Structures are given as C-alpha cells and as structure tokens.
C-alpha cells in the first residue's frame, strides 16, 4: 500500500474502490484522455480497476488518488519503474474542474520528490502529445525536457499530432530545486 504524500493544495492517497468510477469517467472523456480518436473510449470502473491492479501488482509501481484539500477526488497519478531502480514513467489525469488550479503541478512535484529522493532514481519520464499544450507547459515548468518525438502519432479531432516523451534527470531535479544530493526538502509541505 502506498503512503499518503501531502502538499499545500493536494493529498495523494491510496486508491479506494469507489474511486474507479471517477477514473473511468476521466478515461472516457476525450478532453482529458484523448490519446487517440480512432476508437471511442469504453472504459468501465471494473476495466480501469483491472488495468491498474496489473500495474500495481509490480513491486516497483504505484498509484495514488489525488484529492484537493477539501477532500474532493480530482484525479489519479501513477508511476512504473523500468529499468528497476533506475527510471520511472509517470502518468496523471485530472478532471477539468481541477485544471488551472496548480493541483497537477503539486501532485507531480510530490511524486518527483518521492522518486528522486526516496527511491533514488536517475530519470523520470512522462508521455504526452503536442496538442496538449497544458501538459507540455506544466512538464517544462517542472523541469522536464523533450526526449522523444513521434511525429503524427496521435489523432485528435481529425488532426494528427506528435506523441512526446519528456524526461528529467536526477541532477536536473536537484539543481533546479537548489537541493543537495540526499537532501529531502519538500517545498510543497
């Protein structure tokens, strides 16, 4: 079971069974999860739960529900290491009601500290796509850099967009936050 990670705006907590209905609604909303419009989304709470259980069965993976300080569920954040103890890929989804409120920034920042400081990883990655200007901007604000660009890989609204992998190295994380290696100073708490 994952421990809570708490910031000023959000708390990342273990997932509860009742959360999966909301997660399914996020995955079915083309505004929040539209990687590809070739097929309509048809996720159920059961399907999402099964998918996440497969990920979290791995010992080097994690999943949290994201709650606003008022206790309202606003999304989820997950990570999966690979190669083990070297790198991880993170994913986040929040409902549109949470956009523009700095919740996603703080949630990712909490997980970056967990992965770099507590887990000791060398690199953290994320995938997004070029039409998702908000996600690209947030990733750059946090210190992620472009790593891989798969051109015209994603269909959105009948148009083709690039899939992007962005990453951050351990040294970049510590340097950008003026931390010394091994220091755990959460600026969000």
N, C-alpha and C. Protein backbone atom coordinates (compact mmCIF):
# COMPACT_ATOMS: atom_id res chain seq x y z
N UNK A 1 0.85 -1.19 0.00
CA UNK A 1 0.00 0.00 0.00
C UNK A 1 0.89 1.25 0.00
N UNK A 2 0.50 2.22 -0.76
CA UNK A 2 1.26 3.46 -0.88
C UNK A 2 0.90 4.38 0.30
N UNK A 3 1.90 5.10 0.79
CA UNK A 3 1.67 6.10 1.83
C UNK A 3 1.09 7.37 1.21
N UNK A 4 0.45 8.18 2.04
CA UNK A 4 -0.02 9.49 1.60
C UNK A 4 1.19 10.39 1.32
N UNK A 5 1.06 11.22 0.32
CA UNK A 5 2.01 12.31 0.06
C UNK A 5 1.16 13.57 0.11
N UNK A 6 1.53 14.52 0.96
CA UNK A 6 0.67 15.68 1.19
C UNK A 6 1.41 16.97 0.89
N UNK A 7 0.74 17.84 0.15
CA UNK A 7 1.26 19.16 -0.14
C UNK A 7 0.31 20.22 0.41
N UNK A 8 0.47 21.45 -0.05
CA UNK A 8 -0.39 22.54 0.39
C UNK A 8 -1.77 22.49 -0.27
N UNK A 9 -1.82 22.01 -1.52
CA UNK A 9 -3.06 22.01 -2.29
C UNK A 9 -3.71 20.64 -2.42
N UNK A 10 -2.90 19.60 -2.44
CA UNK A 10 -3.42 18.26 -2.70
C UNK A 10 -2.84 17.23 -1.75
N UNK A 11 -3.55 16.12 -1.67
CA UNK A 11 -3.05 14.94 -0.97
C UNK A 11 -3.12 13.78 -1.95
N UNK A 12 -2.02 13.05 -2.07
CA UNK A 12 -2.02 11.81 -2.83
C UNK A 12 -2.22 10.70 -1.80
N UNK A 13 -3.27 9.93 -1.98
CA UNK A 13 -3.62 8.89 -1.02
C UNK A 13 -3.83 7.57 -1.75
N UNK A 14 -3.83 6.46 -1.00
CA UNK A 14 -4.12 5.18 -1.63
C UNK A 14 -5.50 5.20 -2.31
N UNK A 15 -5.61 4.45 -3.37
CA UNK A 15 -6.87 4.38 -4.12
C UNK A 15 -7.88 3.54 -3.36
N UNK A 16 -9.13 3.98 -3.40
CA UNK A 16 -10.25 3.24 -2.82
C UNK A 16 -11.11 2.69 -3.95
N UNK A 17 -11.84 1.62 -3.68
CA UNK A 17 -12.68 1.00 -4.71
C UNK A 17 -13.64 2.00 -5.34
N UNK A 18 -14.18 2.90 -4.54
CA UNK A 18 -15.16 3.86 -5.07
C UNK A 18 -14.54 4.89 -6.02
N UNK A 19 -13.21 4.97 -6.07
CA UNK A 19 -12.52 5.93 -6.95
C UNK A 19 -12.58 5.51 -8.42
N UNK A 20 -12.73 4.22 -8.68
CA UNK A 20 -12.59 3.73 -10.05
C UNK A 20 -13.71 4.23 -10.98
N UNK A 21 -14.86 4.52 -10.43
CA UNK A 21 -15.94 5.08 -11.26
C UNK A 21 -15.53 6.44 -11.82
N UNK A 22 -14.92 7.26 -10.96
CA UNK A 22 -14.43 8.57 -11.39
C UNK A 22 -13.28 8.42 -12.39
N UNK A 23 -12.37 7.47 -12.13
CA UNK A 23 -11.26 7.24 -13.05
C UNK A 23 -11.78 6.83 -14.43
N UNK A 24 -12.83 6.00 -14.46
CA UNK A 24 -13.41 5.60 -15.74
C UNK A 24 -13.99 6.81 -16.47
N UNK A 25 -14.62 7.71 -15.73
CA UNK A 25 -15.17 8.92 -16.38
C UNK A 25 -14.06 9.77 -16.97
N UNK A 26 -12.90 9.84 -16.29
CA UNK A 26 -11.76 10.58 -16.85
C UNK A 26 -11.26 9.92 -18.13
N UNK A 27 -11.14 8.60 -18.12
CA UNK A 27 -10.62 7.88 -19.29
C UNK A 27 -11.59 7.94 -20.46
N UNK A 28 -12.87 8.12 -20.20
CA UNK A 28 -13.87 8.18 -21.27
C UNK A 28 -14.11 9.59 -21.79
N UNK A 29 -13.55 10.58 -21.13
CA UNK A 29 -13.72 11.98 -21.53
C UNK A 29 -12.61 12.34 -22.52
N UNK A 30 -12.97 12.58 -23.75
CA UNK A 30 -11.98 12.87 -24.78
C UNK A 30 -11.20 14.16 -24.52
N UNK A 31 -11.71 15.01 -23.64
CA UNK A 31 -10.99 16.24 -23.32
C UNK A 31 -9.86 15.98 -22.33
N UNK A 32 -9.96 14.91 -21.55
CA UNK A 32 -8.95 14.66 -20.53
C UNK A 32 -8.00 13.52 -20.86
N UNK A 33 -8.38 12.61 -21.74
CA UNK A 33 -7.55 11.43 -22.01
C UNK A 33 -7.49 11.05 -23.48
N UNK A 34 -7.72 11.98 -24.34
CA UNK A 34 -7.83 11.63 -25.77
C UNK A 34 -6.48 11.43 -26.42
N UNK A 35 -5.91 10.26 -26.24
CA UNK A 35 -4.67 9.93 -26.95
C UNK A 35 -4.97 9.61 -28.40
N UNK A 36 -6.14 9.07 -28.65
CA UNK A 36 -6.43 8.59 -29.98
C UNK A 36 -7.93 8.52 -30.18
N UNK A 37 -8.41 9.07 -31.26
CA UNK A 37 -9.85 9.04 -31.54
C UNK A 37 -10.21 8.03 -32.62
N UNK A 38 -9.35 7.07 -32.85
CA UNK A 38 -9.68 6.05 -33.85
C UNK A 38 -10.79 5.15 -33.36
N UNK A 39 -10.86 4.94 -32.05
CA UNK A 39 -11.92 4.13 -31.46
C UNK A 39 -12.51 4.91 -30.29
N UNK A 40 -13.83 4.85 -30.11
CA UNK A 40 -14.42 5.55 -28.96
C UNK A 40 -14.01 4.88 -27.65
N UNK A 41 -13.78 5.68 -26.59
CA UNK A 41 -13.42 5.08 -25.31
C UNK A 41 -14.61 4.36 -24.70
N UNK A 42 -14.35 3.28 -24.03
CA UNK A 42 -15.43 2.50 -23.41
C UNK A 42 -14.94 1.86 -22.12
N UNK A 43 -14.33 2.66 -21.26
CA UNK A 43 -13.81 2.15 -20.01
C UNK A 43 -14.90 2.09 -18.96
N UNK A 44 -14.93 1.00 -18.22
CA UNK A 44 -15.82 0.86 -17.07
C UNK A 44 -14.95 0.92 -15.81
N UNK A 45 -15.59 1.11 -14.68
CA UNK A 45 -14.86 1.11 -13.41
C UNK A 45 -14.13 -0.23 -13.23
N UNK A 46 -14.79 -1.32 -13.60
CA UNK A 46 -14.19 -2.65 -13.47
C UNK A 46 -12.95 -2.78 -14.36
N UNK A 47 -13.06 -2.30 -15.59
CA UNK A 47 -11.93 -2.38 -16.52
C UNK A 47 -10.74 -1.53 -16.05
N UNK A 48 -11.02 -0.35 -15.56
CA UNK A 48 -9.95 0.53 -15.04
C UNK A 48 -9.30 -0.12 -13.82
N UNK A 49 -10.11 -0.67 -12.92
CA UNK A 49 -9.57 -1.32 -11.73
C UNK A 49 -8.65 -2.47 -12.12
N UNK A 50 -9.08 -3.30 -13.06
CA UNK A 50 -8.26 -4.44 -13.50
C UNK A 50 -6.96 -3.95 -14.11
N UNK A 51 -7.02 -2.91 -14.91
CA UNK A 51 -5.82 -2.37 -15.55
C UNK A 51 -4.83 -1.85 -14.51
N UNK A 52 -5.33 -1.08 -13.55
CA UNK A 52 -4.45 -0.53 -12.51
C UNK A 52 -3.92 -1.61 -11.57
N UNK A 53 -4.73 -2.63 -11.30
CA UNK A 53 -4.26 -3.72 -10.44
C UNK A 53 -3.08 -4.45 -11.08
N UNK A 54 -3.10 -4.61 -12.39
CA UNK A 54 -1.98 -5.25 -13.09
C UNK A 54 -0.70 -4.42 -12.93
N UNK A 55 -0.85 -3.11 -13.00
CA UNK A 55 0.31 -2.23 -12.85
C UNK A 55 0.82 -2.28 -11.42
N UNK A 56 -0.08 -2.15 -10.46
CA UNK A 56 0.35 -2.03 -9.07
C UNK A 56 0.73 -3.37 -8.43
N UNK A 57 0.47 -4.48 -9.12
CA UNK A 57 0.97 -5.78 -8.65
C UNK A 57 2.49 -5.82 -8.71
N UNK A 58 3.06 -5.02 -9.59
CA UNK A 58 4.51 -4.96 -9.71
C UNK A 58 5.06 -4.24 -8.48
N UNK A 59 6.19 -4.70 -7.99
CA UNK A 59 6.71 -4.12 -6.75
C UNK A 59 7.27 -2.72 -6.94
N UNK A 60 7.60 -2.34 -8.15
CA UNK A 60 8.18 -1.03 -8.41
C UNK A 60 7.22 -0.15 -9.22
N UNK A 61 5.98 -0.10 -8.74
CA UNK A 61 4.96 0.73 -9.38
C UNK A 61 4.05 1.26 -8.28
N UNK A 62 3.36 2.35 -8.57
CA UNK A 62 2.48 2.92 -7.58
C UNK A 62 1.33 3.68 -8.21
N UNK A 63 0.28 3.84 -7.45
CA UNK A 63 -0.92 4.54 -7.89
C UNK A 63 -1.50 5.27 -6.70
N UNK A 64 -1.79 6.54 -6.90
CA UNK A 64 -2.44 7.35 -5.86
C UNK A 64 -3.68 8.02 -6.45
N UNK A 65 -4.67 8.22 -5.61
CA UNK A 65 -5.77 9.12 -5.93
C UNK A 65 -5.33 10.52 -5.53
N UNK A 66 -5.72 11.51 -6.30
CA UNK A 66 -5.40 12.90 -5.99
C UNK A 66 -6.66 13.54 -5.40
N UNK A 67 -6.52 14.07 -4.20
CA UNK A 67 -7.61 14.78 -3.54
C UNK A 67 -7.20 16.23 -3.35
N UNK A 68 -8.15 17.13 -3.58
CA UNK A 68 -7.95 18.53 -3.19
C UNK A 68 -8.01 18.58 -1.67
N UNK A 69 -7.54 19.67 -1.10
CA UNK A 69 -7.52 19.80 0.37
C UNK A 69 -8.90 19.66 1.00
N UNK A 70 -9.97 19.96 0.23
CA UNK A 70 -11.32 19.81 0.76
C UNK A 70 -11.81 18.36 0.72
N UNK A 71 -10.94 17.43 0.28
CA UNK A 71 -11.29 16.02 0.25
C UNK A 71 -11.92 15.54 -1.04
N UNK A 72 -12.11 16.46 -1.99
CA UNK A 72 -12.74 16.10 -3.27
C UNK A 72 -11.74 15.35 -4.16
N UNK A 73 -12.16 14.21 -4.69
CA UNK A 73 -11.34 13.44 -5.62
C UNK A 73 -11.25 14.20 -6.94
N UNK A 74 -10.02 14.45 -7.41
CA UNK A 74 -9.86 15.23 -8.65
C UNK A 74 -9.03 14.51 -9.70
N UNK A 75 -8.49 13.32 -9.39
CA UNK A 75 -7.72 12.61 -10.40
C UNK A 75 -6.89 11.49 -9.81
N UNK A 76 -5.94 11.03 -10.62
CA UNK A 76 -5.02 9.98 -10.18
C UNK A 76 -3.64 10.23 -10.76
N UNK A 77 -2.66 9.63 -10.12
CA UNK A 77 -1.28 9.72 -10.58
C UNK A 77 -0.66 8.34 -10.36
N UNK A 78 0.05 7.85 -11.37
CA UNK A 78 0.70 6.56 -11.24
C UNK A 78 2.12 6.63 -11.76
N UNK A 79 2.92 5.65 -11.33
CA UNK A 79 4.28 5.52 -11.87
C UNK A 79 4.60 4.05 -12.00
N UNK A 80 5.52 3.78 -12.90
CA UNK A 80 6.01 2.42 -13.08
C UNK A 80 7.50 2.51 -13.38
N UNK A 81 8.30 1.81 -12.57
CA UNK A 81 9.75 1.83 -12.78
C UNK A 81 10.13 0.89 -13.92
N UNK A 82 11.16 1.25 -14.61
CA UNK A 82 11.72 0.41 -15.64
C UNK A 82 12.79 1.18 -16.38
N UNK A 83 14.01 0.73 -16.37
CA UNK A 83 14.53 -0.38 -15.60
C UNK A 83 14.45 -0.09 -14.09
N UNK A 84 14.25 -1.17 -13.35
CA UNK A 84 14.07 -1.09 -11.90
C UNK A 84 15.21 -0.31 -11.23
N UNK A 85 14.83 0.58 -10.32
CA UNK A 85 15.74 1.41 -9.52
C UNK A 85 16.60 2.35 -10.36
N UNK A 86 16.23 2.55 -11.63
CA UNK A 86 16.96 3.48 -12.49
C UNK A 86 16.03 4.56 -13.02
N UNK A 87 14.88 4.16 -13.58
CA UNK A 87 13.98 5.11 -14.24
C UNK A 87 12.53 4.78 -13.91
N UNK A 88 11.67 5.76 -14.09
CA UNK A 88 10.23 5.56 -13.93
C UNK A 88 9.50 6.43 -14.93
N UNK A 89 8.33 5.96 -15.33
CA UNK A 89 7.42 6.75 -16.16
C UNK A 89 6.21 7.07 -15.31
N UNK A 90 5.82 8.36 -15.30
CA UNK A 90 4.66 8.80 -14.52
C UNK A 90 3.52 9.15 -15.46
N UNK A 91 2.32 9.02 -14.94
CA UNK A 91 1.12 9.41 -15.66
C UNK A 91 0.17 10.09 -14.70
N UNK A 92 -0.55 11.08 -15.20
CA UNK A 92 -1.50 11.81 -14.36
C UNK A 92 -2.74 12.14 -15.18
N UNK A 93 -3.88 12.10 -14.52
CA UNK A 93 -5.13 12.55 -15.13
C UNK A 93 -5.93 13.27 -14.07
N UNK A 94 -6.43 14.44 -14.42
CA UNK A 94 -7.30 15.19 -13.52
C UNK A 94 -8.53 15.62 -14.29
N UNK A 95 -9.62 15.80 -13.56
CA UNK A 95 -10.84 16.30 -14.17
C UNK A 95 -10.67 17.76 -14.54
N UNK A 96 -11.46 18.20 -15.51
CA UNK A 96 -11.35 19.58 -15.98
C UNK A 96 -11.60 20.60 -14.87
N UNK A 97 -12.39 20.23 -13.87
CA UNK A 97 -12.66 21.14 -12.76
C UNK A 97 -11.40 21.46 -11.96
N UNK A 98 -10.36 20.64 -12.13
CA UNK A 98 -9.10 20.86 -11.41
C UNK A 98 -8.07 21.61 -12.24
N UNK A 99 -8.35 21.85 -13.50
CA UNK A 99 -7.38 22.50 -14.38
C UNK A 99 -7.17 23.95 -13.97
N UNK A 100 -5.94 24.42 -14.10
CA UNK A 100 -5.60 25.81 -13.84
C UNK A 100 -5.53 26.17 -12.36
N UNK A 101 -5.56 25.20 -11.48
CA UNK A 101 -5.55 25.47 -10.03
C UNK A 101 -4.25 25.03 -9.37
N UNK A 102 -3.29 24.60 -10.17
CA UNK A 102 -1.96 24.19 -9.69
C UNK A 102 -1.95 22.83 -8.99
N UNK A 103 -3.08 22.10 -9.03
CA UNK A 103 -3.16 20.79 -8.40
C UNK A 103 -2.22 19.79 -9.07
N UNK A 104 -2.25 19.74 -10.39
CA UNK A 104 -1.41 18.78 -11.12
C UNK A 104 0.06 19.07 -10.89
N UNK A 105 0.44 20.34 -10.89
CA UNK A 105 1.84 20.70 -10.66
C UNK A 105 2.31 20.18 -9.30
N UNK A 106 1.51 20.43 -8.27
CA UNK A 106 1.91 20.00 -6.94
C UNK A 106 1.92 18.47 -6.84
N UNK A 107 0.94 17.80 -7.43
CA UNK A 107 0.89 16.34 -7.38
C UNK A 107 2.14 15.73 -8.03
N UNK A 108 2.51 16.23 -9.20
CA UNK A 108 3.71 15.71 -9.87
C UNK A 108 4.96 16.05 -9.06
N UNK A 109 5.01 17.23 -8.49
CA UNK A 109 6.16 17.62 -7.67
C UNK A 109 6.32 16.67 -6.48
N UNK A 110 5.23 16.30 -5.83
CA UNK A 110 5.29 15.36 -4.72
C UNK A 110 5.85 14.01 -5.17
N UNK A 111 5.43 13.56 -6.34
CA UNK A 111 5.91 12.26 -6.84
C UNK A 111 7.35 12.36 -7.32
N UNK A 112 7.74 13.49 -7.88
CA UNK A 112 9.15 13.66 -8.25
C UNK A 112 10.05 13.54 -7.03
N UNK A 113 9.66 14.19 -5.94
CA UNK A 113 10.46 14.07 -4.72
C UNK A 113 10.52 12.62 -4.26
N UNK A 114 9.39 11.93 -4.28
CA UNK A 114 9.35 10.53 -3.89
C UNK A 114 10.29 9.69 -4.77
N UNK A 115 10.24 9.90 -6.07
CA UNK A 115 11.02 9.06 -6.99
C UNK A 115 12.51 9.40 -6.96
N UNK A 116 12.86 10.67 -6.92
CA UNK A 116 14.28 11.05 -6.92
C UNK A 116 14.92 10.93 -5.54
N UNK A 117 14.24 11.42 -4.51
CA UNK A 117 14.84 11.47 -3.18
C UNK A 117 14.68 10.13 -2.45
N UNK A 118 13.45 9.62 -2.39
CA UNK A 118 13.22 8.40 -1.62
C UNK A 118 13.59 7.14 -2.38
N UNK A 119 13.24 7.06 -3.66
CA UNK A 119 13.55 5.87 -4.45
C UNK A 119 14.94 5.93 -5.06
N UNK A 120 15.51 7.14 -5.19
CA UNK A 120 16.87 7.28 -5.70
C UNK A 120 17.02 7.04 -7.19
N UNK A 121 15.98 7.32 -7.96
CA UNK A 121 16.03 7.06 -9.40
C UNK A 121 16.92 8.06 -10.13
N UNK A 122 17.35 7.70 -11.31
CA UNK A 122 18.21 8.54 -12.15
C UNK A 122 17.40 9.40 -13.12
N UNK A 123 16.27 8.88 -13.62
CA UNK A 123 15.49 9.61 -14.62
C UNK A 123 14.00 9.33 -14.41
N UNK A 124 13.19 10.37 -14.60
CA UNK A 124 11.73 10.23 -14.56
C UNK A 124 11.20 10.73 -15.90
N UNK A 125 10.29 9.95 -16.48
CA UNK A 125 9.74 10.26 -17.81
C UNK A 125 8.23 10.42 -17.74
N UNK A 126 7.70 11.07 -18.75
CA UNK A 126 6.26 11.12 -18.96
C UNK A 126 5.99 11.17 -20.45
N UNK A 127 4.80 10.74 -20.82
CA UNK A 127 4.35 10.82 -22.21
C UNK A 127 3.18 11.80 -22.29
N UNK A 128 3.15 12.60 -23.33
CA UNK A 128 2.01 13.45 -23.63
C UNK A 128 1.98 13.61 -25.15
N UNK A 129 1.23 14.55 -25.64
CA UNK A 129 1.23 14.79 -27.08
C UNK A 129 1.17 16.28 -27.37
N UNK A 130 1.51 16.64 -28.58
CA UNK A 130 1.73 18.05 -28.91
C UNK A 130 0.47 18.90 -28.85
N UNK A 131 -0.71 18.31 -28.98
CA UNK A 131 -1.93 19.13 -28.87
C UNK A 131 -2.21 19.51 -27.42
N UNK A 132 -1.65 18.77 -26.46
CA UNK A 132 -1.93 19.02 -25.05
C UNK A 132 -0.96 20.08 -24.52
N UNK A 133 -1.21 21.30 -24.91
CA UNK A 133 -0.34 22.42 -24.57
C UNK A 133 -0.22 22.60 -23.06
N UNK A 134 -1.30 22.36 -22.33
CA UNK A 134 -1.26 22.49 -20.87
C UNK A 134 -0.28 21.50 -20.25
N UNK A 135 -0.34 20.24 -20.70
CA UNK A 135 0.56 19.21 -20.14
C UNK A 135 2.01 19.50 -20.51
N UNK A 136 2.25 19.90 -21.75
CA UNK A 136 3.61 20.22 -22.18
C UNK A 136 4.15 21.40 -21.36
N UNK A 137 3.33 22.43 -21.19
CA UNK A 137 3.75 23.60 -20.41
C UNK A 137 4.03 23.25 -18.96
N UNK A 138 3.18 22.42 -18.34
CA UNK A 138 3.40 22.00 -16.96
C UNK A 138 4.70 21.21 -16.85
N UNK A 139 4.91 20.28 -17.78
CA UNK A 139 6.13 19.46 -17.73
C UNK A 139 7.37 20.35 -17.83
N UNK A 140 7.35 21.31 -18.73
CA UNK A 140 8.51 22.21 -18.87
C UNK A 140 8.69 23.06 -17.63
N UNK A 141 7.59 23.53 -17.04
CA UNK A 141 7.66 24.33 -15.83
C UNK A 141 8.30 23.53 -14.69
N UNK A 142 8.01 22.24 -14.64
CA UNK A 142 8.57 21.37 -13.61
C UNK A 142 10.03 21.00 -13.88
N UNK A 143 10.49 21.21 -15.12
CA UNK A 143 11.88 20.92 -15.45
C UNK A 143 12.09 19.76 -16.40
N UNK A 144 11.00 19.19 -16.92
CA UNK A 144 11.13 18.12 -17.91
C UNK A 144 11.61 18.71 -19.23
N UNK A 145 12.34 17.91 -20.00
CA UNK A 145 12.84 18.31 -21.32
C UNK A 145 12.35 17.32 -22.36
N UNK A 146 12.23 17.80 -23.59
CA UNK A 146 11.87 16.91 -24.70
C UNK A 146 12.91 15.83 -24.84
N UNK A 147 12.45 14.60 -25.03
CA UNK A 147 13.36 13.47 -25.17
C UNK A 147 13.12 12.73 -26.48
N UNK A 148 11.86 12.39 -26.75
CA UNK A 148 11.48 11.67 -27.97
C UNK A 148 10.25 12.33 -28.56
N UNK A 149 10.23 12.47 -29.86
CA UNK A 149 9.06 12.98 -30.57
C UNK A 149 8.69 11.99 -31.66
N UNK A 150 7.50 11.40 -31.54
CA UNK A 150 6.98 10.51 -32.58
C UNK A 150 6.00 11.32 -33.41
N UNK A 151 6.41 11.67 -34.60
CA UNK A 151 5.63 12.59 -35.42
C UNK A 151 4.35 11.96 -35.95
N UNK A 152 3.27 12.75 -35.88
CA UNK A 152 1.94 12.37 -36.38
C UNK A 152 1.51 11.00 -35.87
N UNK A 153 1.67 10.79 -34.59
CA UNK A 153 1.38 9.51 -33.94
C UNK A 153 -0.01 9.46 -33.33
N UNK A 154 -0.61 10.64 -33.07
CA UNK A 154 -1.86 10.73 -32.33
C UNK A 154 -2.91 11.44 -33.16
N UNK A 155 -4.14 10.92 -33.14
CA UNK A 155 -5.26 11.55 -33.85
C UNK A 155 -6.13 12.24 -32.81
N UNK A 156 -6.41 13.51 -33.02
CA UNK A 156 -7.29 14.26 -32.11
C UNK A 156 -8.11 15.22 -32.95
N UNK A 157 -9.42 15.10 -32.88
CA UNK A 157 -10.29 15.98 -33.64
C UNK A 157 -10.06 15.88 -35.15
N UNK A 158 -9.69 14.71 -35.61
CA UNK A 158 -9.44 14.50 -37.03
C UNK A 158 -8.10 15.01 -37.52
N UNK A 159 -7.26 15.50 -36.62
CA UNK A 159 -5.93 16.00 -36.98
C UNK A 159 -4.86 15.12 -36.35
N UNK A 160 -3.69 15.10 -36.98
CA UNK A 160 -2.57 14.32 -36.48
C UNK A 160 -1.64 15.20 -35.64
N UNK A 161 -1.20 14.65 -34.52
CA UNK A 161 -0.29 15.35 -33.62
C UNK A 161 0.86 14.43 -33.24
N UNK A 162 1.91 15.01 -32.69
CA UNK A 162 3.08 14.26 -32.28
C UNK A 162 2.91 13.72 -30.86
N UNK A 163 3.38 12.50 -30.63
CA UNK A 163 3.49 11.96 -29.27
C UNK A 163 4.85 12.39 -28.73
N UNK A 164 4.89 12.82 -27.49
CA UNK A 164 6.12 13.35 -26.90
C UNK A 164 6.48 12.58 -25.63
N UNK A 165 7.74 12.19 -25.55
CA UNK A 165 8.27 11.72 -24.28
C UNK A 165 9.14 12.84 -23.75
N UNK A 166 8.92 13.19 -22.49
CA UNK A 166 9.72 14.20 -21.83
C UNK A 166 10.35 13.54 -20.62
N UNK A 167 11.55 14.01 -20.23
CA UNK A 167 12.20 13.40 -19.07
C UNK A 167 12.98 14.43 -18.27
N UNK A 168 13.33 14.01 -17.05
CA UNK A 168 14.14 14.83 -16.16
C UNK A 168 15.16 13.91 -15.50
N UNK A 169 16.40 14.34 -15.50
CA UNK A 169 17.46 13.59 -14.84
C UNK A 169 17.56 13.98 -13.37
N UNK A 170 18.08 13.08 -12.59
CA UNK A 170 18.25 13.31 -11.15
C UNK A 170 19.01 14.60 -10.87
N UNK A 171 20.11 14.83 -11.59
CA UNK A 171 20.92 16.03 -11.39
C UNK A 171 20.12 17.29 -11.71
N UNK A 172 19.30 17.23 -12.74
CA UNK A 172 18.47 18.38 -13.11
C UNK A 172 17.43 18.67 -12.03
N UNK A 173 16.87 17.60 -11.45
CA UNK A 173 15.90 17.78 -10.37
C UNK A 173 16.56 18.51 -9.20
N UNK A 174 17.69 18.01 -8.73
CA UNK A 174 18.35 18.62 -7.57
C UNK A 174 18.80 20.05 -7.88
N UNK A 175 19.38 20.25 -9.05
CA UNK A 175 19.87 21.58 -9.41
C UNK A 175 18.74 22.59 -9.52
N UNK A 176 17.64 22.21 -10.18
CA UNK A 176 16.54 23.16 -10.40
C UNK A 176 15.80 23.52 -9.10
N UNK A 177 15.96 22.70 -8.07
CA UNK A 177 15.30 22.97 -6.80
C UNK A 177 16.30 23.41 -5.74
N UNK A 178 17.53 23.68 -6.16
CA UNK A 178 18.60 24.12 -5.26
C UNK A 178 18.75 23.19 -4.06
N UNK A 179 18.69 21.89 -4.33
CA UNK A 179 18.85 20.88 -3.28
C UNK A 179 20.21 20.22 -3.42
N UNK A 180 20.73 19.77 -2.33
CA UNK A 180 21.95 18.97 -2.35
C UNK A 180 21.54 17.51 -2.43
N UNK A 181 22.34 16.74 -3.13
CA UNK A 181 22.08 15.30 -3.26
C UNK A 181 21.84 14.70 -1.88
N UNK A 182 20.74 13.96 -1.75
CA UNK A 182 20.43 13.31 -0.48
C UNK A 182 19.56 14.14 0.45
N UNK A 183 19.36 15.42 0.13
CA UNK A 183 18.53 16.28 0.98
C UNK A 183 17.07 16.12 0.60
N UNK A 184 16.22 15.97 1.56
CA UNK A 184 14.78 15.87 1.30
C UNK A 184 14.10 17.13 1.84
N UNK A 185 13.84 18.06 0.95
CA UNK A 185 13.20 19.31 1.35
C UNK A 185 12.00 19.51 0.43
N UNK A 186 10.82 19.18 0.95
CA UNK A 186 9.60 19.33 0.15
C UNK A 186 9.10 20.74 0.31
N UNK A 187 9.16 21.49 -0.78
CA UNK A 187 8.74 22.90 -0.77
C UNK A 187 7.22 23.03 -0.76
N UNK A 188 6.50 21.93 -1.00
CA UNK A 188 5.04 21.97 -1.05
C UNK A 188 4.39 21.75 0.31
N UNK A 189 5.12 21.17 1.24
CA UNK A 189 4.51 20.78 2.52
C UNK A 189 4.55 21.91 3.51
